């Protein structure tokens, strides 16, 4: 293991459990929650790789359940755009400094938290067309390859396109899964998946399963709206902490 102190391993396991718990309970933000905690202990490369690997497992199951609602022609521009953008994202991950990447993730956490807390009125882009979908797919690939947070942009874009819930999920979740799978292949091809990161992945699996099961067991029993607000505030605070401290 590459951890200098056991405390960092505890932070990793806490982040894994918390991200899985929130996703099981509220159905969103695995990568955001994980990044907001892991970046205080892991490198950006480790954080990106582990978010991609774990989110592939979590989102893959949901996508399998949605398989009958997927419209290939609607999904294709997002997947192709992401496939083109992922190499650029991985190049950024390799070349950019750790401080700059942490700052970028911190700012993204702040933006994500503020958007979901304030819910500003957004323009309706129903008639943008598939070229816009492919452009968002490309940016999603860049973001996914560099931070592991693939899926955020398609989710927002589906809202702007005015698609109903089922159509929204049948686009955003399969796009996220394709982005995670391609990112994982790209990271492996670039030699960025180290034995230490693989060990972390295996060590964190029990925390992932425990958090997911606990989240699902409490699903529907808590005030979800209040819980989501608490999570979003914590993401906002974590983003501010990352930006202010540079960690």
Protein backbone atom coordinates (compact mmCIF):
# COMPACT_ATOMS: atom_id res chain seq x y z
CA UNK A 1 0.00 0.00 0.00
CA UNK A 2 1.10 3.52 -0.70
CA UNK A 3 -0.66 5.27 2.17
CA UNK A 4 1.76 7.11 4.50
CA UNK A 5 -0.58 6.76 7.51
CA UNK A 6 -3.58 4.54 8.37
CA UNK A 7 -5.68 7.69 8.75
CA UNK A 8 -5.64 8.14 4.95
CA UNK A 9 -6.93 4.59 4.48
CA UNK A 10 -9.73 5.35 6.94
CA UNK A 11 -10.64 8.45 4.88
CA UNK A 12 -10.77 6.31 1.74
CA UNK A 13 -13.07 3.74 3.34
CA UNK A 14 -15.26 6.47 4.82
CA UNK A 15 -15.58 8.11 1.42
CA UNK A 16 -16.44 4.81 -0.26
CA UNK A 17 -19.11 3.98 2.31
CA UNK A 18 -20.59 7.50 2.29
CA UNK A 19 -20.75 7.69 -1.52
CA UNK A 20 -22.40 4.27 -1.80
CA UNK A 21 -24.84 5.11 1.01
CA UNK A 22 -25.92 8.39 -0.59
CA UNK A 23 -26.33 6.74 -3.99
CA UNK A 24 -28.38 3.89 -2.53
CA UNK A 25 -30.60 6.27 -0.56
CA UNK A 26 -30.91 9.27 -2.87
CA UNK A 27 -29.88 7.83 -6.25
CA UNK A 28 -27.28 10.44 -7.21
CA UNK A 29 -23.78 11.89 -6.79
CA UNK A 30 -21.57 8.84 -6.14
CA UNK A 31 -18.56 10.45 -7.81
CA UNK A 32 -19.18 13.84 -6.23
CA UNK A 33 -19.46 12.45 -2.70
CA UNK A 34 -16.47 10.16 -3.15
CA UNK A 35 -14.28 12.92 -4.63
CA UNK A 36 -15.21 15.36 -1.88
CA UNK A 37 -13.69 12.96 0.69
CA UNK A 38 -11.07 10.97 -1.22
CA UNK A 39 -9.16 14.01 -2.47
CA UNK A 40 -8.06 14.67 1.11
CA UNK A 41 -6.19 11.33 1.06
CA UNK A 42 -5.74 10.08 -2.54
CA UNK A 43 -4.04 11.45 -5.63
CA UNK A 44 -6.24 12.73 -8.50
CA UNK A 45 -5.27 9.70 -10.61
CA UNK A 46 -6.32 7.27 -7.86
CA UNK A 47 -9.51 9.22 -7.24
CA UNK A 48 -10.45 9.26 -10.93
CA UNK A 49 -9.71 5.56 -11.43
CA UNK A 50 -11.64 4.43 -8.36
CA UNK A 51 -14.65 6.64 -9.12
CA UNK A 52 -14.78 5.20 -12.63
CA UNK A 53 -14.44 1.59 -11.42
CA UNK A 54 -16.98 1.80 -8.61
CA UNK A 55 -19.47 3.93 -10.51
CA UNK A 56 -19.34 1.42 -13.37
CA UNK A 57 -20.56 -1.25 -10.96
CA UNK A 58 -23.22 0.96 -9.36
CA UNK A 59 -24.58 2.47 -12.60
CA UNK A 60 -24.20 -0.72 -14.63
CA UNK A 61 -26.92 -2.45 -12.64
CA UNK A 62 -29.32 0.47 -13.10
CA UNK A 63 -28.64 0.57 -16.83
CA UNK A 64 -29.31 -3.15 -17.15
CA UNK A 65 -32.73 -2.61 -15.60
CA UNK A 66 -33.40 0.23 -18.06
CA UNK A 67 -32.26 -1.74 -21.11
CA UNK A 68 -35.76 -2.03 -22.65
CA UNK A 69 -36.27 1.76 -22.60
CA UNK A 70 -33.01 2.67 -24.34
CA UNK A 71 -33.33 4.24 -27.80
CA UNK A 72 -30.00 3.64 -29.62
CA UNK A 73 -30.39 6.57 -32.02
CA UNK A 74 -30.96 8.97 -29.11
CA UNK A 75 -28.02 7.55 -27.15
CA UNK A 76 -25.45 7.27 -29.96
CA UNK A 77 -24.37 10.98 -30.21
CA UNK A 78 -23.63 11.09 -26.48
CA UNK A 79 -21.59 7.88 -26.53
CA UNK A 80 -19.61 8.80 -29.65
CA UNK A 81 -18.92 12.28 -28.30
CA UNK A 82 -17.75 10.84 -25.00
CA UNK A 83 -15.49 8.33 -26.74
CA UNK A 84 -13.76 11.19 -28.59
CA UNK A 85 -13.43 13.32 -25.45
CA UNK A 86 -12.07 10.66 -23.09
CA UNK A 87 -8.49 10.59 -24.49
CA UNK A 88 -8.29 14.36 -24.06
CA UNK A 89 -9.49 14.01 -20.48
CA UNK A 90 -6.92 11.33 -19.69
CA UNK A 91 -4.19 13.50 -21.23
CA UNK A 92 -5.25 16.33 -18.90
CA UNK A 93 -5.14 13.92 -15.95
CA UNK A 94 -1.58 12.93 -16.86
CA UNK A 95 -0.20 16.36 -17.67
CA UNK A 96 -1.98 18.74 -15.29
CA UNK A 97 -0.64 19.30 -11.79
CA UNK A 98 -2.36 17.65 -8.84
CA UNK A 99 -3.09 21.05 -7.32
CA UNK A 100 -4.85 22.29 -10.46
CA UNK A 101 -6.94 19.13 -10.80
CA UNK A 102 -7.98 19.29 -7.14
CA UNK A 103 -8.94 22.93 -7.60
CA UNK A 104 -10.99 22.03 -10.69
CA UNK A 105 -12.85 19.30 -8.81
CA UNK A 106 -13.39 21.66 -5.88
CA UNK A 107 -14.92 24.28 -8.17
CA UNK A 108 -17.08 21.61 -9.81
CA UNK A 109 -18.35 20.52 -6.38
CA UNK A 110 -19.24 24.11 -5.57
CA UNK A 111 -21.05 24.60 -8.89
CA UNK A 112 -22.91 21.29 -8.56
CA UNK A 113 -24.00 22.06 -5.00
CA UNK A 114 -25.13 25.59 -5.79
CA UNK A 115 -27.04 24.57 -8.90
CA UNK A 116 -28.96 21.81 -7.12
CA UNK A 117 -29.63 23.94 -4.04
CA UNK A 118 -30.76 27.06 -5.89
CA UNK A 119 -32.32 25.42 -8.97
CA UNK A 120 -32.09 28.51 -11.20
CA UNK A 121 -34.42 28.77 -14.17
CA UNK A 122 -32.61 27.32 -17.17
CA UNK A 123 -33.30 27.82 -20.89
CA UNK A 124 -35.26 25.20 -22.81
CA UNK A 125 -33.03 23.62 -25.45
CA UNK A 126 -35.56 21.12 -26.79
CA UNK A 127 -34.75 21.86 -30.44
CA UNK A 128 -30.94 21.88 -30.27
CA UNK A 129 -30.57 18.55 -32.06
CA UNK A 130 -28.03 15.74 -32.12
CA UNK A 131 -25.05 18.00 -32.82
CA UNK A 132 -25.58 19.58 -29.40
CA UNK A 133 -25.96 16.12 -27.86
CA UNK A 134 -22.62 15.05 -29.37
CA UNK A 135 -20.95 18.24 -28.12
CA UNK A 136 -22.14 17.56 -24.58
CA UNK A 137 -20.96 13.97 -25.01
CA UNK A 138 -17.48 15.23 -25.92
CA UNK A 139 -17.30 17.53 -22.88
CA UNK A 140 -18.59 14.67 -20.74
CA UNK A 141 -15.78 12.46 -22.03
CA UNK A 142 -13.18 15.11 -21.19
CA UNK A 143 -14.63 15.50 -17.70
CA UNK A 144 -14.94 11.75 -17.18
CA UNK A 145 -11.42 10.99 -18.37
CA UNK A 146 -9.83 13.69 -16.21
CA UNK A 147 -11.90 13.44 -13.02
CA UNK A 148 -14.07 10.31 -13.23
CA UNK A 149 -17.21 12.47 -13.00
CA UNK A 150 -18.73 11.35 -16.26
CA UNK A 151 -22.52 11.57 -16.35
CA UNK A 152 -23.01 14.97 -14.71
CA UNK A 153 -23.19 16.96 -17.95
CA UNK A 154 -25.60 14.58 -19.74
CA UNK A 155 -27.86 14.66 -16.68
CA UNK A 156 -28.05 18.45 -16.77
CA UNK A 157 -28.37 18.47 -20.55
CA UNK A 158 -31.36 16.09 -20.47
CA UNK A 159 -33.08 18.55 -18.13
CA UNK A 160 -32.39 21.43 -20.53
CA UNK A 161 -33.69 19.35 -23.43
CA UNK A 162 -36.98 18.94 -21.56
CA UNK A 163 -37.07 15.15 -21.80
CA UNK A 164 -39.40 13.24 -19.44
CA UNK A 165 -37.96 11.25 -16.55
CA UNK A 166 -37.84 7.83 -18.21
CA UNK A 167 -36.27 9.20 -21.39
CA UNK A 168 -33.86 11.22 -19.26
CA UNK A 169 -32.65 8.15 -17.38
CA UNK A 170 -32.46 6.02 -20.53
CA UNK A 171 -29.95 8.53 -21.92
CA UNK A 172 -27.97 9.81 -18.92
CA UNK A 173 -27.31 6.50 -17.18
CA UNK A 174 -26.22 4.45 -20.25
CA UNK A 175 -24.04 7.40 -21.32
CA UNK A 176 -22.41 7.40 -17.89
CA UNK A 177 -21.81 3.63 -18.06
CA UNK A 178 -20.26 3.88 -21.54
CA UNK A 179 -18.07 6.78 -20.35
CA UNK A 180 -16.92 4.86 -17.28
CA UNK A 181 -16.15 1.70 -19.28
CA UNK A 182 -14.21 3.57 -21.98
CA UNK A 183 -12.40 5.68 -19.35
CA UNK A 184 -11.35 2.53 -17.50
CA UNK A 185 -9.99 1.03 -20.72
CA UNK A 186 -8.16 4.27 -21.49
CA UNK A 187 -6.67 4.54 -18.00
CA UNK A 188 -5.51 0.93 -18.21
CA UNK A 189 -4.05 1.45 -21.67
CA UNK A 190 -2.06 4.44 -20.40
CA UNK A 191 -0.67 2.40 -17.51
CA UNK A 192 -2.40 4.56 -14.87
CA UNK A 193 -4.10 1.66 -13.06
CA UNK A 194 -1.37 0.73 -10.59
CA UNK A 195 -1.22 -2.29 -8.23
CA UNK A 196 -1.81 0.12 -5.32
CA UNK A 197 -5.02 1.42 -6.91
CA UNK A 198 -6.17 -2.14 -7.65
CA UNK A 199 -5.56 -3.05 -4.00
CA UNK A 200 -7.60 -0.04 -2.91
CA UNK A 201 -10.43 -1.10 -5.20
CA UNK A 202 -10.55 -4.56 -3.61
CA UNK A 203 -10.21 -3.22 -0.06
CA UNK A 204 -13.05 -0.77 -0.62
CA UNK A 205 -15.53 -3.29 -2.05
CA UNK A 206 -16.99 -4.32 1.36
CA UNK A 207 -17.55 -0.64 2.23
CA UNK A 208 -19.18 -0.12 -1.17
CA UNK A 209 -21.56 -3.05 -0.66
CA UNK A 210 -22.33 -2.11 2.96
CA UNK A 211 -23.07 1.52 2.09
CA UNK A 212 -25.25 0.55 -0.87
CA UNK A 213 -27.28 -1.97 1.14
CA UNK A 214 -27.77 0.46 4.03
CA UNK A 215 -28.84 3.20 1.65
CA UNK A 216 -31.37 0.95 -0.05
CA UNK A 217 -32.68 -0.29 3.32
CA UNK A 218 -33.48 3.30 4.34
CA UNK A 219 -34.85 4.31 0.95
CA UNK A 220 -38.31 5.79 1.41
CA UNK A 221 -38.04 5.88 5.21
CA UNK A 222 -36.34 9.26 5.53
CA UNK A 223 -37.28 12.74 4.36
CA UNK A 224 -35.47 12.52 1.02
CA UNK A 225 -35.75 16.24 0.22
CA UNK A 226 -34.10 17.23 3.51
CA UNK A 227 -31.46 14.53 3.11
CA UNK A 228 -30.57 15.70 -0.39
CA UNK A 229 -30.15 19.25 0.88
CA UNK A 230 -27.80 18.07 3.62
CA UNK A 231 -25.72 16.13 1.08
CA UNK A 232 -25.58 19.10 -1.29
CA UNK A 233 -24.50 21.45 1.50
CA UNK A 234 -21.76 18.99 2.50
CA UNK A 235 -20.57 18.82 -1.13
CA UNK A 236 -20.52 22.60 -1.25
CA UNK A 237 -18.51 22.82 1.98
CA UNK A 238 -16.09 20.12 0.78
CA UNK A 239 -15.58 21.94 -2.51
CA UNK A 240 -14.84 25.16 -0.64
CA UNK A 241 -12.40 23.31 1.63
CA UNK A 242 -10.57 21.81 -1.36
CA UNK A 243 -10.30 25.20 -3.07
CA UNK A 244 -9.22 27.08 0.06
CA UNK A 245 -6.69 24.49 1.28
CA UNK A 246 -5.49 23.32 -2.12
CA UNK A 247 -6.14 19.69 -1.12
